[in-house]
Amino acid sequence: MDYTKVMNESDDSLEKLLYIFVCDSKDVLDDVLDKVYVGNKLMEGVIVKMAKIARDIDEYLYYNKEEFDRLV
């Protein structure tokens, strides 16, 4: 999905709300988070959950591979 196209969508468009799941650039995602999801309680919750999942995965991959393998 093209960033420029997404940013031209209305704030409540499905494309804009789901962009967080398809964006693969941290810099672009940080920009989107600052401009699009501020004040949106649902998306702020999604961001917190996604950050926790990423931290948990990193922890399992780096520190406890056997435990991670058992969970997957």
N, C-alpha and C. Protein backbone atom coordinates (compact mmCIF):
# COMPACT_ATOMS: atom_id res chain seq x y z
N MET A 1 0.85 -1.17 0.00
CA MET A 1 0.00 0.00 0.00
C MET A 1 0.90 1.24 0.00
N ASP A 2 0.57 2.18 -0.80
CA ASP A 2 1.36 3.39 -0.96
C ASP A 2 1.06 4.39 0.16
N TYR A 3 2.12 4.88 0.81
CA TYR A 3 1.98 5.82 1.93
C TYR A 3 1.18 7.05 1.53
N THR A 4 1.50 7.65 0.38
CA THR A 4 0.82 8.87 -0.05
C THR A 4 -0.66 8.63 -0.24
N LYS A 5 -1.01 7.50 -0.85
CA LYS A 5 -2.42 7.17 -1.06
C LYS A 5 -3.13 7.00 0.29
N VAL A 6 -2.47 6.31 1.21
CA VAL A 6 -3.08 6.08 2.52
C VAL A 6 -3.30 7.40 3.25
N MET A 7 -2.35 8.30 3.18
CA MET A 7 -2.48 9.56 3.89
C MET A 7 -3.58 10.45 3.30
N ASN A 8 -3.95 10.21 2.06
CA ASN A 8 -5.04 10.97 1.43
C ASN A 8 -6.42 10.40 1.76
N GLU A 9 -6.46 9.23 2.38
CA GLU A 9 -7.73 8.62 2.78
C GLU A 9 -8.29 9.36 4.00
N SER A 10 -9.57 9.20 4.26
CA SER A 10 -10.16 9.81 5.45
C SER A 10 -9.60 9.13 6.69
N ASP A 11 -9.61 9.82 7.81
CA ASP A 11 -9.01 9.30 9.04
C ASP A 11 -9.64 7.99 9.51
N ASP A 12 -10.90 7.76 9.18
CA ASP A 12 -11.54 6.53 9.63
C ASP A 12 -11.58 5.45 8.54
N SER A 13 -10.81 5.64 7.47
CA SER A 13 -10.81 4.64 6.40
C SER A 13 -10.09 3.38 6.87
N LEU A 14 -10.54 2.26 6.41
CA LEU A 14 -9.95 0.97 6.76
C LEU A 14 -8.49 0.91 6.34
N GLU A 15 -8.18 1.45 5.17
CA GLU A 15 -6.80 1.44 4.68
C GLU A 15 -5.86 2.17 5.64
N LYS A 16 -6.31 3.33 6.11
CA LYS A 16 -5.48 4.12 7.01
C LYS A 16 -5.35 3.42 8.38
N LEU A 17 -6.44 2.86 8.87
CA LEU A 17 -6.40 2.19 10.15
C LEU A 17 -5.54 0.93 10.12
N LEU A 18 -5.53 0.23 9.01
CA LEU A 18 -4.77 -1.03 8.93
C LEU A 18 -3.35 -0.86 8.41
N TYR A 19 -2.97 0.35 8.06
CA TYR A 19 -1.63 0.59 7.51
C TYR A 19 -0.53 0.15 8.47
N ILE A 20 -0.79 0.23 9.75
CA ILE A 20 0.20 -0.16 10.76
C ILE A 20 0.63 -1.62 10.57
N PHE A 21 -0.24 -2.45 10.02
CA PHE A 21 0.06 -3.87 9.86
C PHE A 21 0.86 -4.19 8.60
N VAL A 22 0.91 -3.27 7.65
CA VAL A 22 1.61 -3.55 6.40
C VAL A 22 2.85 -2.69 6.18
N CYS A 23 3.03 -1.69 6.99
CA CYS A 23 4.18 -0.80 6.83
C CYS A 23 5.44 -1.52 7.29
N ASP A 24 6.47 -1.51 6.46
CA ASP A 24 7.71 -2.20 6.82
C ASP A 24 8.88 -1.24 7.07
N SER A 25 8.60 0.05 7.15
CA SER A 25 9.64 1.04 7.41
C SER A 25 9.38 1.70 8.77
N LYS A 26 10.31 1.55 9.69
CA LYS A 26 10.12 2.13 11.02
C LYS A 26 9.96 3.65 10.95
N ASP A 27 10.75 4.31 10.11
CA ASP A 27 10.64 5.77 9.99
C ASP A 27 9.26 6.20 9.49
N VAL A 28 8.77 5.53 8.47
CA VAL A 28 7.44 5.85 7.93
C VAL A 28 6.38 5.53 8.98
N LEU A 29 6.53 4.40 9.64
CA LEU A 29 5.54 4.02 10.65
C LEU A 29 5.51 5.02 11.80
N ASP A 30 6.68 5.48 12.24
CA ASP A 30 6.71 6.50 13.30
C ASP A 30 5.97 7.76 12.86
N ASP A 31 6.14 8.15 11.60
CA ASP A 31 5.45 9.32 11.06
C ASP A 31 3.95 9.09 11.05
N VAL A 32 3.53 7.91 10.63
CA VAL A 32 2.11 7.57 10.60
C VAL A 32 1.54 7.58 12.02
N LEU A 33 2.28 7.02 12.95
CA LEU A 33 1.80 6.98 14.33
C LEU A 33 1.58 8.38 14.87
N ASP A 34 2.50 9.28 14.53
CA ASP A 34 2.39 10.66 15.02
C ASP A 34 1.26 11.43 14.35
N LYS A 35 0.95 11.12 13.10
CA LYS A 35 -0.03 11.91 12.34
C LYS A 35 -1.41 11.28 12.27
N VAL A 36 -1.49 9.98 12.33
CA VAL A 36 -2.76 9.32 12.04
C VAL A 36 -3.46 8.79 13.28
N TYR A 37 -2.72 8.15 14.16
CA TYR A 37 -3.35 7.40 15.24
C TYR A 37 -3.42 8.15 16.56
N VAL A 38 -2.88 9.36 16.62
CA VAL A 38 -2.93 10.13 17.87
C VAL A 38 -4.38 10.44 18.23
N GLY A 39 -4.75 10.12 19.45
CA GLY A 39 -6.11 10.36 19.91
C GLY A 39 -7.08 9.24 19.59
N ASN A 40 -6.66 8.26 18.79
CA ASN A 40 -7.51 7.12 18.47
C ASN A 40 -7.20 6.03 19.49
N LYS A 41 -8.05 5.89 20.49
CA LYS A 41 -7.79 4.97 21.61
C LYS A 41 -7.62 3.52 21.14
N LEU A 42 -8.41 3.10 20.17
CA LEU A 42 -8.29 1.73 19.67
C LEU A 42 -6.90 1.50 19.07
N MET A 43 -6.47 2.40 18.18
CA MET A 43 -5.18 2.21 17.52
C MET A 43 -4.02 2.42 18.48
N GLU A 44 -4.18 3.30 19.45
CA GLU A 44 -3.13 3.45 20.46
C GLU A 44 -2.97 2.15 21.24
N GLY A 45 -4.08 1.47 21.52
CA GLY A 45 -4.02 0.16 22.17
C GLY A 45 -3.35 -0.89 21.30
N VAL A 46 -3.67 -0.85 20.00
CA VAL A 46 -3.04 -1.79 19.05
C VAL A 46 -1.53 -1.57 19.03
N ILE A 47 -1.11 -0.32 19.02
CA ILE A 47 0.32 0.01 18.99
C ILE A 47 1.01 -0.54 20.23
N VAL A 48 0.40 -0.36 21.38
CA VAL A 48 0.99 -0.88 22.63
C VAL A 48 1.10 -2.39 22.57
N LYS A 49 0.05 -3.06 22.12
CA LYS A 49 0.08 -4.53 22.03
C LYS A 49 1.13 -5.01 21.03
N MET A 50 1.22 -4.35 19.88
CA MET A 50 2.20 -4.75 18.88
C MET A 50 3.63 -4.56 19.39
N ALA A 51 3.87 -3.49 20.12
CA ALA A 51 5.20 -3.26 20.68
C ALA A 51 5.53 -4.34 21.70
N LYS A 52 4.56 -4.75 22.50
CA LYS A 52 4.79 -5.81 23.49
C LYS A 52 5.08 -7.13 22.78
N ILE A 53 4.34 -7.43 21.75
CA ILE A 53 4.57 -8.67 21.00
C ILE A 53 5.97 -8.67 20.40
N ALA A 54 6.38 -7.56 19.82
CA ALA A 54 7.71 -7.46 19.23
C ALA A 54 8.80 -7.65 20.29
N ARG A 55 8.61 -7.03 21.46
CA ARG A 55 9.58 -7.20 22.56
C ARG A 55 9.63 -8.65 23.01
N ASP A 56 8.46 -9.27 23.15
CA ASP A 56 8.41 -10.66 23.59
C ASP A 56 9.10 -11.58 22.60
N ILE A 57 8.84 -11.38 21.32
CA ILE A 57 9.48 -12.21 20.29
C ILE A 57 10.98 -12.01 20.33
N ASP A 58 11.42 -10.77 20.42
CA ASP A 58 12.86 -10.51 20.49
C ASP A 58 13.47 -11.20 21.71
N GLU A 59 12.78 -11.12 22.83
CA GLU A 59 13.30 -11.75 24.05
C GLU A 59 13.44 -13.25 23.86
N TYR A 60 12.42 -13.90 23.29
CA TYR A 60 12.50 -15.33 23.08
C TYR A 60 13.58 -15.70 22.08
N LEU A 61 13.68 -14.93 21.00
CA LEU A 61 14.68 -15.25 19.98
C LEU A 61 16.10 -15.06 20.49
N TYR A 62 16.33 -14.02 21.23
CA TYR A 62 17.69 -13.72 21.68
C TYR A 62 18.08 -14.44 22.96
N TYR A 63 17.13 -14.70 23.84
CA TYR A 63 17.50 -15.19 25.15
C TYR A 63 17.01 -16.59 25.48
N ASN A 64 15.99 -17.07 24.80
CA ASN A 64 15.44 -18.35 25.18
C ASN A 64 14.83 -19.04 23.96
N LYS A 65 15.67 -19.41 23.02
CA LYS A 65 15.20 -20.00 21.77
C LYS A 65 14.37 -21.26 22.01
N GLU A 66 14.77 -22.09 22.97
CA GLU A 66 14.03 -23.33 23.23
C GLU A 66 12.59 -23.04 23.68
N GLU A 67 12.44 -22.05 24.54
CA GLU A 67 11.10 -21.66 25.00
C GLU A 67 10.27 -21.15 23.83
N PHE A 68 10.87 -20.33 22.97
CA PHE A 68 10.16 -19.81 21.80
C PHE A 68 9.72 -20.96 20.88
N ASP A 69 10.62 -21.90 20.63
CA ASP A 69 10.29 -23.02 19.77
C ASP A 69 9.13 -23.83 20.35
N ARG A 70 9.07 -23.95 21.64
CA ARG A 70 8.01 -24.69 22.28
C ARG A 70 6.66 -23.99 22.12
N LEU A 71 6.68 -22.64 22.08
CA LEU A 71 5.44 -21.88 21.94
C LEU A 71 4.89 -21.87 20.53
N VAL A 72 5.75 -22.05 19.56
CA VAL A 72 5.33 -21.91 18.17
C VAL A 72 4.77 -23.18 17.63
